[in-house]
């Protein structure tokens, strides 16, 4: 009951999926919080105002997205989502 059967005889390992996405939520909160804080800090350091702060936060946010994508892909390799 802990796995679902797919047409090719694969089973989804829900415990691994839950583990990876739980870790992703925790790490994502830190990564994206740091990204927004870094955008604000760099903008203040460079004496930027207005939209420049939001642009820097957006750039750091995109870096955070790249970090999270790499985390999910690497975690999937360690904790496989399907079993054959």
N, C-alpha and C. Protein backbone atom coordinates (compact mmCIF):
# COMPACT_ATOMS: atom_id res chain seq x y z
N UNK A 1 0.81 -1.20 0.00
CA UNK A 1 0.00 0.00 0.00
C UNK A 1 0.85 1.26 0.00
N UNK A 2 2.16 1.12 0.20
CA UNK A 2 3.03 2.28 0.28
C UNK A 2 3.56 2.69 -1.09
N UNK A 3 3.28 1.91 -2.12
CA UNK A 3 3.79 2.21 -3.45
C UNK A 3 2.67 2.03 -4.47
N UNK A 4 2.76 2.78 -5.54
CA UNK A 4 1.79 2.72 -6.62
C UNK A 4 2.44 2.03 -7.81
N UNK A 5 1.72 1.13 -8.45
CA UNK A 5 2.25 0.41 -9.60
C UNK A 5 1.98 1.20 -10.87
N UNK A 6 3.04 1.42 -11.65
CA UNK A 6 2.93 2.10 -12.93
C UNK A 6 2.88 1.05 -14.04
N UNK A 7 2.53 1.44 -15.26
CA UNK A 7 2.39 0.47 -16.35
C UNK A 7 3.65 -0.34 -16.64
N UNK A 8 4.85 0.20 -16.45
CA UNK A 8 6.08 -0.52 -16.77
C UNK A 8 6.56 -1.37 -15.60
N UNK A 9 5.77 -1.55 -14.58
CA UNK A 9 6.19 -2.33 -13.44
C UNK A 9 7.01 -1.53 -12.44
N UNK A 10 6.97 -0.22 -12.54
CA UNK A 10 7.68 0.63 -11.60
C UNK A 10 6.77 0.96 -10.43
N UNK A 11 7.39 1.16 -9.28
CA UNK A 11 6.62 1.55 -8.10
C UNK A 11 7.16 2.88 -7.58
N UNK A 12 6.27 3.77 -7.22
CA UNK A 12 6.69 5.04 -6.64
C UNK A 12 7.00 4.80 -5.17
N UNK A 13 8.16 5.22 -4.74
CA UNK A 13 8.58 5.08 -3.35
C UNK A 13 8.20 6.37 -2.62
N UNK A 14 7.02 6.36 -2.04
CA UNK A 14 6.47 7.58 -1.46
C UNK A 14 7.28 8.09 -0.28
N UNK A 15 7.92 7.20 0.45
CA UNK A 15 8.75 7.64 1.57
C UNK A 15 9.93 8.48 1.07
N UNK A 16 10.55 8.06 -0.02
CA UNK A 16 11.66 8.82 -0.59
C UNK A 16 11.18 10.16 -1.15
N UNK A 17 10.04 10.14 -1.82
CA UNK A 17 9.48 11.38 -2.37
C UNK A 17 9.19 12.37 -1.24
N UNK A 18 8.57 11.88 -0.19
CA UNK A 18 8.24 12.73 0.96
C UNK A 18 9.49 13.27 1.64
N UNK A 19 10.51 12.44 1.77
CA UNK A 19 11.76 12.86 2.39
C UNK A 19 12.42 13.98 1.60
N UNK A 20 12.52 13.80 0.28
CA UNK A 20 13.18 14.79 -0.57
C UNK A 20 12.40 16.10 -0.58
N UNK A 21 11.09 16.05 -0.72
CA UNK A 21 10.33 17.29 -0.78
C UNK A 21 10.23 17.98 0.58
N UNK A 22 10.27 17.23 1.66
CA UNK A 22 10.32 17.85 2.98
C UNK A 22 11.63 18.60 3.18
N UNK A 23 12.72 17.98 2.76
CA UNK A 23 14.02 18.64 2.84
C UNK A 23 14.05 19.86 1.91
N UNK A 24 13.43 19.74 0.74
CA UNK A 24 13.40 20.85 -0.21
C UNK A 24 12.64 22.04 0.36
N UNK A 25 11.58 21.79 1.10
CA UNK A 25 10.82 22.89 1.71
C UNK A 25 11.70 23.60 2.74
N UNK A 26 12.38 22.84 3.58
CA UNK A 26 13.23 23.43 4.61
C UNK A 26 14.39 24.20 3.97
N UNK A 27 15.08 23.60 3.04
CA UNK A 27 16.23 24.24 2.41
C UNK A 27 15.77 25.41 1.55
N UNK A 28 14.62 25.27 0.88
CA UNK A 28 14.09 26.35 0.05
C UNK A 28 13.77 27.59 0.86
N UNK A 29 13.23 27.41 2.06
CA UNK A 29 12.94 28.56 2.92
C UNK A 29 14.23 29.32 3.23
N UNK A 30 15.29 28.60 3.49
CA UNK A 30 16.57 29.24 3.78
C UNK A 30 17.17 29.89 2.54
N UNK A 31 17.12 29.20 1.41
CA UNK A 31 17.72 29.71 0.18
C UNK A 31 16.99 30.97 -0.30
N UNK A 32 15.67 30.93 -0.33
CA UNK A 32 14.92 32.08 -0.84
C UNK A 32 14.90 33.23 0.15
N UNK A 33 14.90 32.92 1.44
CA UNK A 33 15.03 33.99 2.43
C UNK A 33 16.38 34.69 2.31
N UNK A 34 17.42 33.89 2.13
CA UNK A 34 18.75 34.45 1.92
C UNK A 34 18.85 35.24 0.62
N UNK A 35 18.16 34.78 -0.41
CA UNK A 35 18.19 35.48 -1.70
C UNK A 35 17.56 36.86 -1.58
N UNK A 36 16.42 36.96 -0.93
CA UNK A 36 15.78 38.26 -0.78
C UNK A 36 16.60 39.17 0.13
N UNK A 37 17.17 38.61 1.19
CA UNK A 37 18.00 39.40 2.09
C UNK A 37 19.27 39.88 1.37
N UNK A 38 19.85 39.02 0.55
CA UNK A 38 21.06 39.39 -0.18
C UNK A 38 20.76 40.50 -1.19
N UNK A 39 19.61 40.41 -1.87
CA UNK A 39 19.23 41.47 -2.81
C UNK A 39 19.08 42.81 -2.11
N UNK A 40 18.44 42.79 -0.96
CA UNK A 40 18.26 44.02 -0.19
C UNK A 40 19.61 44.56 0.30
N UNK A 41 20.47 43.66 0.81
CA UNK A 41 21.77 44.09 1.35
C UNK A 41 22.67 44.65 0.26
N UNK A 42 22.72 43.99 -0.89
CA UNK A 42 23.57 44.47 -1.98
C UNK A 42 23.06 45.81 -2.50
N UNK A 43 21.75 45.95 -2.58
CA UNK A 43 21.18 47.22 -3.05
C UNK A 43 21.50 48.35 -2.07
N UNK A 44 21.42 48.09 -0.78
CA UNK A 44 21.77 49.11 0.20
C UNK A 44 23.26 49.43 0.16
N UNK A 45 24.09 48.42 0.00
CA UNK A 45 25.53 48.62 -0.07
C UNK A 45 25.91 49.49 -1.28
N UNK A 46 25.20 49.27 -2.40
CA UNK A 46 25.49 50.01 -3.63
C UNK A 46 24.69 51.31 -3.71
N UNK A 47 23.94 51.64 -2.65
CA UNK A 47 23.12 52.87 -2.61
C UNK A 47 22.11 52.92 -3.74
N UNK A 48 21.47 51.78 -4.00
CA UNK A 48 20.43 51.70 -5.03
C UNK A 48 19.06 51.84 -4.38
N UNK A 49 18.11 52.36 -5.14
CA UNK A 49 16.76 52.56 -4.61
C UNK A 49 15.73 52.07 -5.61
N UNK A 50 14.51 52.01 -5.16
CA UNK A 50 13.36 51.71 -6.04
C UNK A 50 13.40 50.33 -6.64
N UNK A 51 13.24 50.30 -7.95
CA UNK A 51 13.15 49.03 -8.66
C UNK A 51 14.46 48.25 -8.66
N UNK A 52 15.57 48.92 -8.45
CA UNK A 52 16.86 48.22 -8.45
C UNK A 52 16.91 47.17 -7.35
N UNK A 53 16.30 47.47 -6.21
CA UNK A 53 16.26 46.50 -5.11
C UNK A 53 15.50 45.25 -5.55
N UNK A 54 14.37 45.46 -6.20
CA UNK A 54 13.54 44.33 -6.64
C UNK A 54 14.22 43.54 -7.75
N UNK A 55 14.95 44.23 -8.61
CA UNK A 55 15.67 43.54 -9.68
C UNK A 55 16.76 42.66 -9.09
N UNK A 56 17.52 43.20 -8.13
CA UNK A 56 18.55 42.39 -7.48
C UNK A 56 17.95 41.21 -6.73
N UNK A 57 16.84 41.43 -6.05
CA UNK A 57 16.18 40.33 -5.36
C UNK A 57 15.72 39.28 -6.36
N UNK A 58 15.23 39.70 -7.51
CA UNK A 58 14.82 38.76 -8.55
C UNK A 58 15.99 37.96 -9.09
N UNK A 59 17.14 38.61 -9.27
CA UNK A 59 18.33 37.89 -9.74
C UNK A 59 18.79 36.85 -8.73
N UNK A 60 18.81 37.24 -7.46
CA UNK A 60 19.18 36.28 -6.42
C UNK A 60 18.13 35.17 -6.30
N UNK A 61 16.86 35.52 -6.52
CA UNK A 61 15.80 34.52 -6.50
C UNK A 61 16.03 33.48 -7.60
N UNK A 62 16.41 33.93 -8.79
CA UNK A 62 16.69 32.99 -9.89
C UNK A 62 17.88 32.09 -9.56
N UNK A 63 18.88 32.65 -8.89
CA UNK A 63 20.00 31.82 -8.42
C UNK A 63 19.49 30.77 -7.42
N UNK A 64 18.56 31.17 -6.57
CA UNK A 64 17.98 30.24 -5.61
C UNK A 64 17.20 29.13 -6.30
N UNK A 65 16.51 29.46 -7.38
CA UNK A 65 15.78 28.45 -8.14
C UNK A 65 16.77 27.43 -8.72
N UNK A 66 17.89 27.92 -9.24
CA UNK A 66 18.91 27.01 -9.78
C UNK A 66 19.46 26.10 -8.69
N UNK A 67 19.69 26.65 -7.51
CA UNK A 67 20.19 25.84 -6.39
C UNK A 67 19.17 24.76 -6.03
N UNK A 68 17.89 25.12 -5.99
CA UNK A 68 16.87 24.15 -5.60
C UNK A 68 16.68 23.08 -6.67
N UNK A 69 16.79 23.43 -7.93
CA UNK A 69 16.68 22.43 -9.00
C UNK A 69 17.82 21.42 -8.88
N UNK A 70 19.04 21.93 -8.66
CA UNK A 70 20.18 21.03 -8.49
C UNK A 70 20.01 20.15 -7.25
N UNK A 71 19.47 20.73 -6.17
CA UNK A 71 19.25 19.95 -4.96
C UNK A 71 18.28 18.80 -5.23
N UNK A 72 17.16 19.09 -5.88
CA UNK A 72 16.16 18.05 -6.15
C UNK A 72 16.76 16.96 -7.05
N UNK A 73 17.48 17.36 -8.08
CA UNK A 73 18.07 16.36 -8.99
C UNK A 73 19.09 15.48 -8.27
N UNK A 74 19.93 16.09 -7.45
CA UNK A 74 20.92 15.30 -6.72
C UNK A 74 20.26 14.43 -5.65
N UNK A 75 19.24 14.95 -4.99
CA UNK A 75 18.55 14.16 -3.97
C UNK A 75 17.80 12.99 -4.60
N UNK A 76 17.28 13.20 -5.80
CA UNK A 76 16.60 12.11 -6.52
C UNK A 76 17.56 10.97 -6.83
N UNK A 77 18.80 11.31 -7.07
CA UNK A 77 19.80 10.29 -7.37
C UNK A 77 20.12 9.48 -6.11
N UNK A 78 20.14 10.15 -4.97
CA UNK A 78 20.45 9.47 -3.70
C UNK A 78 19.24 8.70 -3.19
N UNK A 79 18.07 9.32 -3.25
CA UNK A 79 16.81 8.72 -2.82
C UNK A 79 15.91 8.55 -4.05
N UNK A 80 16.02 7.46 -4.79
CA UNK A 80 15.24 7.29 -6.03
C UNK A 80 13.72 7.34 -5.76
N UNK A 81 13.01 7.97 -6.67
CA UNK A 81 11.56 8.11 -6.54
C UNK A 81 10.81 6.89 -7.01
N UNK A 82 11.42 6.08 -7.87
CA UNK A 82 10.76 4.88 -8.39
C UNK A 82 11.65 3.66 -8.22
N UNK A 83 11.00 2.51 -8.10
CA UNK A 83 11.71 1.25 -7.97
C UNK A 83 11.22 0.34 -9.08
N UNK A 84 12.13 -0.34 -9.72
CA UNK A 84 11.74 -1.23 -10.83
C UNK A 84 11.54 -2.63 -10.34
